[in-house]
Amino acid sequence: MKQLRIVHTTGFEYGGKALASYNQARLTPVTTPQQIVLHHRVEISPKPWTYTYRDYFGNEVLAFEVVDPHEALTVTATSTVQVEAAPLPEWATSWEQLARPEVSDRWTEYLMLPELVAPPDDLAARAKEIAAAATLPADAAREICAFVSGEIANAPGSTNASTPAAVAWRQRAGVSQDVVHLVLGALRTVGIPARYVSGYAHPVEHPEIGQTVAGDSHAWVEWWDDGWQPFDPTTCVSPGDTYVAVARGRDYTDVRPLAGIYSGAPTSRLFVDVDITRLG
C-alpha cells in the first residue's frame, strides 16, 4: 500500500487577451476498493464559474468558464491517493462467453473501431493469429500487449493527442497513448471488449518516501474478463500500487485531462507539469 500525492498543472499563455474560455477537466482520480482518494482540489486562475458532474462513463468532470479577458489560464489539480495493489486476477472467461449477448451487447461500445484506434491490416491479422492459438482470451490479450509493446519505440513528441493508431504503427514510434490505442484496436478486432484508462504511474518502481519526482500522464488498458482487468501494455505488467487511475472511456477523446474552446488571441505557449510524491 502506498500513498501518493500528484500535482498536475496545465497552463496557457496567450499572445494577447483571451476574451472567454470554456473548458472541461477530467483530473479527479476515481475511488475504488484498491484506490481511495484522501484529498483532491482543483485551483483555477483566473477564478472561473464551475460546475461538476459525472459523464456517461462515470468520470468526474469539472466544467468551468472564464468570461473576463485574460492573458493566461492555469489549472492545478492536487490529489492525495492511497493505493493498494489488487491481487492478480484469475483469467477465466472463455471465447464462447465473450461472444454471448450479455457481454458483446453490454460492452458493444468497447468493441467499436473508430479511426483513432482502428488497427492496420497487418496488426489486425497478427492479432487474429494470436487469438486463434490462445486457449483463453486473456492469454491472447497479454500476448497482443507484448507484441505491440515490442514493436513501438517510446519516442515523446513523435505523435500528438489526435494521432491515429495506424500512424504510430507505421512509424513504429509513439507514447503510452499510442500503444494503448493500438492494443485497444487489436483486442476489439478479436472480440475482446477493451477500454482506455488515463492516470499516472510513478516513474520509480520503489519510490522513496518524501521524494518528489517529475512524472507525466500515463495510459493503460482494461479488458473484460468477468470484470474489468487492468494491464499496462507499455510495460507489460498489471498496474500496482504506483498507478493512479483518473478516467476511463473508449479512447483518449473520452478522458482528456483538459479540453475546451476559447475566443481571442492565439495561444502562444502551453505547458503541462506533473509532480508525484510518495507520502507513505
Protein backbone atom coordinates (compact mmCIF):
# COMPACT_ATOMS: atom_id res chain seq x y z
CA MET A 1 0.00 0.00 0.00
CA LYS A 2 1.30 3.44 -0.92
CA GLN A 3 0.09 6.99 -0.50
CA LEU A 4 0.85 9.27 -3.44
CA ARG A 5 0.41 13.00 -3.97
CA ILE A 6 0.05 14.16 -7.55
CA VAL A 7 0.19 17.80 -8.61
CA HIS A 8 -0.88 18.24 -12.24
CA THR A 9 -0.54 21.77 -13.63
CA THR A 10 -1.67 22.90 -17.07
CA GLY A 11 -1.06 26.44 -18.23
CA PHE A 12 -1.92 28.52 -21.27
CA GLU A 13 -0.27 31.85 -22.06
CA TYR A 14 -1.82 33.88 -24.85
CA GLY A 15 -0.22 36.29 -27.29
CA GLY A 16 -2.71 38.92 -26.21
CA LYS A 17 -6.01 38.59 -24.40
CA ALA A 18 -8.41 35.66 -24.46
CA LEU A 19 -11.90 37.08 -24.24
CA ALA A 20 -13.62 33.95 -22.93
CA SER A 21 -12.70 30.34 -22.22
CA TYR A 22 -14.95 27.28 -21.78
CA ASN A 23 -13.40 24.02 -20.57
CA GLN A 24 -13.91 20.55 -19.16
CA ALA A 25 -11.36 18.97 -16.82
CA ARG A 26 -11.10 15.26 -16.02
CA LEU A 27 -8.47 15.41 -13.30
CA THR A 28 -10.17 13.73 -10.32
CA PRO A 29 -8.87 10.23 -9.50
CA VAL A 30 -11.52 7.55 -9.10
CA THR A 31 -12.23 5.82 -5.80
CA THR A 32 -12.29 2.01 -5.92
CA PRO A 33 -11.60 -0.78 -3.41
CA GLN A 34 -7.91 -0.55 -4.38
CA GLN A 35 -7.69 3.24 -4.70
CA ILE A 36 -9.03 5.75 -2.18
CA VAL A 37 -8.93 9.49 -2.82
CA LEU A 38 -8.00 11.11 0.50
CA HIS A 39 -7.85 14.68 -0.78
CA HIS A 40 -8.46 16.45 -4.07
CA ARG A 41 -8.75 20.04 -5.16
CA VAL A 42 -8.57 21.97 -8.41
CA GLU A 43 -7.35 25.57 -8.44
CA ILE A 44 -8.02 27.71 -11.50
CA SER A 45 -6.70 31.17 -12.28
CA PRO A 46 -8.40 33.48 -13.23
CA LYS A 47 -11.27 32.50 -10.92
CA PRO A 48 -14.00 30.84 -13.03
CA TRP A 49 -17.61 29.76 -12.79
CA THR A 50 -17.64 25.99 -12.21
CA TYR A 51 -20.00 23.03 -12.38
CA THR A 52 -19.24 19.39 -11.53
CA TYR A 53 -20.95 16.32 -13.00
CA ARG A 54 -20.30 12.70 -13.94
CA ASP A 55 -20.14 11.81 -17.60
CA TYR A 56 -21.56 8.73 -19.34
CA PHE A 57 -18.52 6.64 -18.37
CA GLY A 58 -18.68 7.61 -14.70
CA ASN A 59 -15.76 10.05 -14.77
CA GLU A 60 -15.98 13.18 -12.62
CA VAL A 61 -15.91 16.27 -14.83
CA LEU A 62 -15.28 19.84 -13.72
CA ALA A 63 -16.78 22.22 -16.27
CA PHE A 64 -15.64 25.83 -15.96
CA GLU A 65 -15.72 29.09 -17.84
CA VAL A 66 -13.78 32.34 -17.62
CA VAL A 67 -15.64 35.18 -19.30
CA ASP A 68 -13.33 38.05 -18.32
CA PRO A 69 -10.44 38.95 -20.66
CA HIS A 70 -7.25 37.22 -19.54
CA GLU A 71 -3.72 36.73 -20.81
CA ALA A 72 -3.09 33.38 -19.11
CA LEU A 73 -5.03 30.43 -17.71
CA THR A 74 -3.66 27.97 -15.14
CA VAL A 75 -5.33 24.79 -13.86
CA THR A 76 -3.69 22.92 -10.98
CA ALA A 77 -5.13 19.64 -9.69
CA THR A 78 -3.69 18.31 -6.43
CA SER A 79 -4.64 14.79 -5.34
CA THR A 80 -3.61 12.57 -2.44
CA VAL A 81 -4.46 8.94 -3.13
CA GLN A 82 -3.95 5.75 -1.16
CA VAL A 83 -3.30 2.82 -3.48
CA GLU A 84 -3.18 -0.87 -2.68
CA ALA A 85 -2.14 -3.37 -5.30
CA ALA A 86 -5.02 -5.62 -6.31
CA PRO A 87 -4.48 -9.38 -6.27
CA LEU A 88 -3.60 -10.76 -9.67
CA PRO A 89 -6.80 -11.76 -11.48
CA GLU A 90 -7.75 -15.31 -12.27
CA TRP A 91 -8.23 -15.43 -16.02
CA ALA A 92 -11.38 -17.46 -16.57
CA THR A 93 -13.62 -16.08 -19.33
CA SER A 94 -13.76 -18.27 -22.44
CA TRP A 95 -14.11 -17.22 -26.07
CA GLU A 96 -17.65 -18.59 -26.05
CA GLN A 97 -18.59 -16.46 -23.04
CA LEU A 98 -17.22 -13.32 -24.69
CA ALA A 99 -19.42 -13.92 -27.73
CA ARG A 100 -22.62 -14.12 -25.68
CA PRO A 101 -25.00 -11.13 -25.88
CA GLU A 102 -24.66 -10.37 -22.18
CA VAL A 103 -21.03 -9.48 -22.91
CA SER A 104 -20.86 -8.48 -26.58
CA ASP A 105 -24.04 -6.40 -26.44
CA ARG A 106 -23.46 -4.99 -22.98
CA TRP A 107 -20.00 -3.75 -23.88
CA THR A 108 -20.54 -3.07 -27.58
CA GLU A 109 -19.11 0.46 -27.32
CA TYR A 110 -15.80 -1.09 -26.25
CA LEU A 111 -15.76 -3.24 -29.37
CA MET A 112 -16.05 -0.37 -31.86
CA LEU A 113 -13.14 0.62 -34.13
CA PRO A 114 -13.12 4.37 -34.80
CA GLU A 115 -10.20 5.82 -36.72
CA LEU A 116 -8.24 6.68 -33.58
CA VAL A 117 -7.89 3.01 -32.57
CA ALA A 118 -8.51 1.10 -35.83
CA PRO A 119 -5.54 -1.26 -36.34
CA PRO A 120 -3.69 -1.51 -39.67
CA ASP A 121 -4.38 -4.67 -41.64
CA ASP A 122 -1.11 -6.38 -40.69
CA LEU A 123 -1.65 -5.76 -36.97
CA ALA A 124 -5.26 -6.97 -37.19
CA ALA A 125 -4.10 -10.12 -38.98
CA ARG A 126 -1.43 -10.80 -36.35
CA ALA A 127 -3.96 -10.28 -33.55
CA LYS A 128 -6.27 -12.83 -35.16
CA GLU A 129 -3.41 -15.33 -35.42
CA ILE A 130 -2.62 -14.86 -31.73
CA ALA A 131 -6.27 -15.24 -30.76
CA ALA A 132 -6.71 -18.39 -32.84
CA ALA A 133 -3.83 -20.05 -30.99
CA ALA A 134 -4.85 -18.90 -27.49
CA THR A 135 -6.89 -21.09 -25.18
CA LEU A 136 -8.35 -18.13 -23.29
CA PRO A 137 -8.99 -14.52 -24.32
CA ALA A 138 -6.73 -13.32 -21.50
CA ASP A 139 -3.83 -15.33 -22.93
CA ALA A 140 -4.36 -13.66 -26.29
CA ALA A 141 -4.71 -10.23 -24.69
CA ARG A 142 -1.40 -10.46 -22.87
CA GLU A 143 0.40 -11.75 -25.96
CA ILE A 144 -1.09 -8.95 -28.08
CA CYS A 145 0.09 -6.41 -25.49
CA ALA A 146 3.61 -7.86 -25.57
CA PHE A 147 3.64 -7.91 -29.37
CA VAL A 148 2.56 -4.27 -29.73
CA SER A 149 4.89 -3.10 -26.97
CA GLY A 150 7.82 -4.78 -28.68
CA GLU A 151 7.06 -3.05 -31.98
CA ILE A 152 6.65 0.55 -30.75
CA ALA A 153 9.64 2.58 -29.58
CA ASN A 154 8.98 5.17 -26.87
CA ALA A 155 9.50 8.49 -28.66
CA PRO A 156 7.92 11.52 -26.95
CA GLY A 157 6.99 14.18 -29.48
CA SER A 158 6.62 11.74 -32.37
CA THR A 159 2.81 11.85 -32.10
CA ASN A 160 0.14 14.08 -30.61
CA ALA A 161 -3.25 13.61 -28.97
CA SER A 162 -5.07 13.27 -32.29
CA THR A 163 -2.65 10.85 -33.98
CA PRO A 164 -4.46 7.70 -35.18
CA ALA A 165 -3.07 4.36 -34.07
CA ALA A 166 -2.23 3.47 -37.67
CA VAL A 167 0.23 6.38 -37.89
CA ALA A 168 2.09 5.31 -34.75
CA TRP A 169 2.21 1.76 -36.09
CA ARG A 170 3.55 2.88 -39.45
CA GLN A 171 6.38 4.88 -37.88
CA ARG A 172 6.87 2.29 -35.10
CA ALA A 173 7.15 5.10 -32.55
CA GLY A 174 4.88 6.81 -30.06
CA VAL A 175 4.00 7.14 -26.38
CA SER A 176 1.81 5.18 -23.98
CA GLN A 177 -1.34 6.66 -25.52
CA ASP A 178 -0.39 5.24 -28.93
CA VAL A 179 0.47 1.81 -27.54
CA VAL A 180 -2.90 1.72 -25.76
CA HIS A 181 -4.80 2.77 -28.89
CA LEU A 182 -3.06 0.05 -30.92
CA VAL A 183 -3.80 -2.57 -28.27
CA LEU A 184 -7.43 -1.47 -28.00
CA GLY A 185 -7.88 -1.86 -31.74
CA ALA A 186 -6.19 -5.27 -31.78
CA LEU A 187 -8.19 -6.59 -28.81
CA ARG A 188 -11.50 -5.36 -30.19
CA THR A 189 -10.68 -6.89 -33.56
CA VAL A 190 -10.64 -10.36 -31.95
CA GLY A 191 -13.80 -9.73 -29.91
CA ILE A 192 -12.32 -8.73 -26.54
CA PRO A 193 -14.05 -5.63 -25.06
CA ALA A 194 -11.36 -3.18 -24.02
CA ARG A 195 -11.30 0.38 -22.73
CA TYR A 196 -8.82 3.22 -22.24
CA VAL A 197 -7.64 4.24 -18.75
CA SER A 198 -5.92 7.56 -18.10
CA GLY A 199 -3.98 8.36 -14.97
CA TYR A 200 -0.47 8.43 -13.59
CA ALA A 201 2.29 5.91 -12.93
CA HIS A 202 5.16 6.72 -10.59
CA PRO A 203 8.30 6.53 -12.77
CA VAL A 204 10.29 4.82 -9.97
CA GLU A 205 9.46 1.21 -9.19
CA HIS A 206 10.29 1.56 -5.49
CA PRO A 207 9.92 5.29 -4.73
CA GLU A 208 11.37 6.83 -1.58
CA ILE A 209 9.02 8.45 0.90
CA GLY A 210 9.08 12.23 0.67
CA GLN A 211 10.91 12.45 -2.65
CA THR A 212 9.15 14.45 -5.38
CA VAL A 213 9.82 13.40 -8.96
CA ALA A 214 8.73 14.69 -12.34
CA GLY A 215 6.03 12.48 -13.80
CA ASP A 216 3.63 12.52 -16.69
CA SER A 217 0.14 11.45 -17.62
CA HIS A 218 0.04 7.75 -18.39
CA ALA A 219 -2.39 5.36 -20.06
CA TRP A 220 -3.17 1.66 -19.88
CA VAL A 221 -5.98 -0.70 -20.83
CA GLU A 222 -8.69 -2.71 -19.14
CA TRP A 223 -10.20 -5.69 -20.92
CA TRP A 224 -13.28 -7.67 -19.96
CA ASP A 225 -12.65 -10.97 -18.18
CA ASP A 226 -15.62 -11.47 -15.88
CA GLY A 227 -14.87 -7.93 -14.73
CA TRP A 228 -12.54 -5.19 -15.97
CA GLN A 229 -8.93 -6.31 -15.68
CA PRO A 230 -6.20 -3.64 -15.90
CA PHE A 231 -2.96 -4.15 -17.79
CA ASP A 232 -0.22 -1.76 -18.87
CA PRO A 233 0.81 -2.71 -22.40
CA THR A 234 3.70 -0.25 -22.37
CA THR A 235 5.49 -2.17 -19.62
CA CYS A 236 3.54 -5.45 -19.87
CA VAL A 237 2.64 -5.54 -16.16
CA SER A 238 -0.58 -5.36 -14.19
CA PRO A 239 -0.83 -1.88 -12.60
CA GLY A 240 0.14 -1.97 -8.94
CA ASP A 241 0.37 0.47 -6.06
CA THR A 242 2.33 3.06 -8.03
CA TYR A 243 -0.53 3.61 -10.50
CA VAL A 244 -3.39 6.09 -10.02
CA ALA A 245 -6.41 5.85 -12.33
CA VAL A 246 -8.32 9.02 -13.20
CA ALA A 247 -10.75 8.33 -16.05
CA ARG A 248 -11.98 5.58 -18.36
CA GLY A 249 -13.50 5.65 -21.83
CA ARG A 250 -13.46 4.27 -25.36
CA ASP A 251 -10.24 6.09 -26.25
CA TYR A 252 -8.28 9.22 -25.38
CA THR A 253 -11.01 11.59 -26.58
CA ASP A 254 -13.28 10.41 -23.74
CA VAL A 255 -10.71 11.03 -20.99
CA ARG A 256 -8.78 14.16 -21.98
CA PRO A 257 -7.47 15.83 -18.80
CA LEU A 258 -8.37 19.28 -20.11
CA ALA A 259 -10.34 20.21 -23.20
CA GLY A 260 -12.20 23.29 -24.29
CA ILE A 261 -12.53 26.29 -26.54
CA TYR A 262 -11.73 29.98 -26.23
CA SER A 263 -12.05 33.20 -28.20
CA GLY A 264 -9.43 35.88 -28.61
CA ALA A 265 -5.68 35.87 -29.20
CA PRO A 266 -3.92 32.72 -30.41
CA THR A 267 -2.21 30.52 -27.82
CA SER A 268 1.47 31.40 -27.60
CA ARG A 269 2.51 28.78 -25.06
CA LEU A 270 1.10 25.63 -23.48
CA PHE A 271 2.80 23.74 -20.67
CA VAL A 272 1.98 20.69 -18.55
CA ASP A 273 3.83 19.70 -15.39
CA VAL A 274 3.19 16.62 -13.23
CA ASP A 275 4.92 16.15 -9.87
CA ILE A 276 4.49 12.90 -7.93
CA THR A 277 5.49 12.38 -4.30
CA ARG A 278 5.24 9.22 -2.24
CA LEU A 279 3.91 10.24 1.19
CA GLY A 280 3.69 6.83 2.80
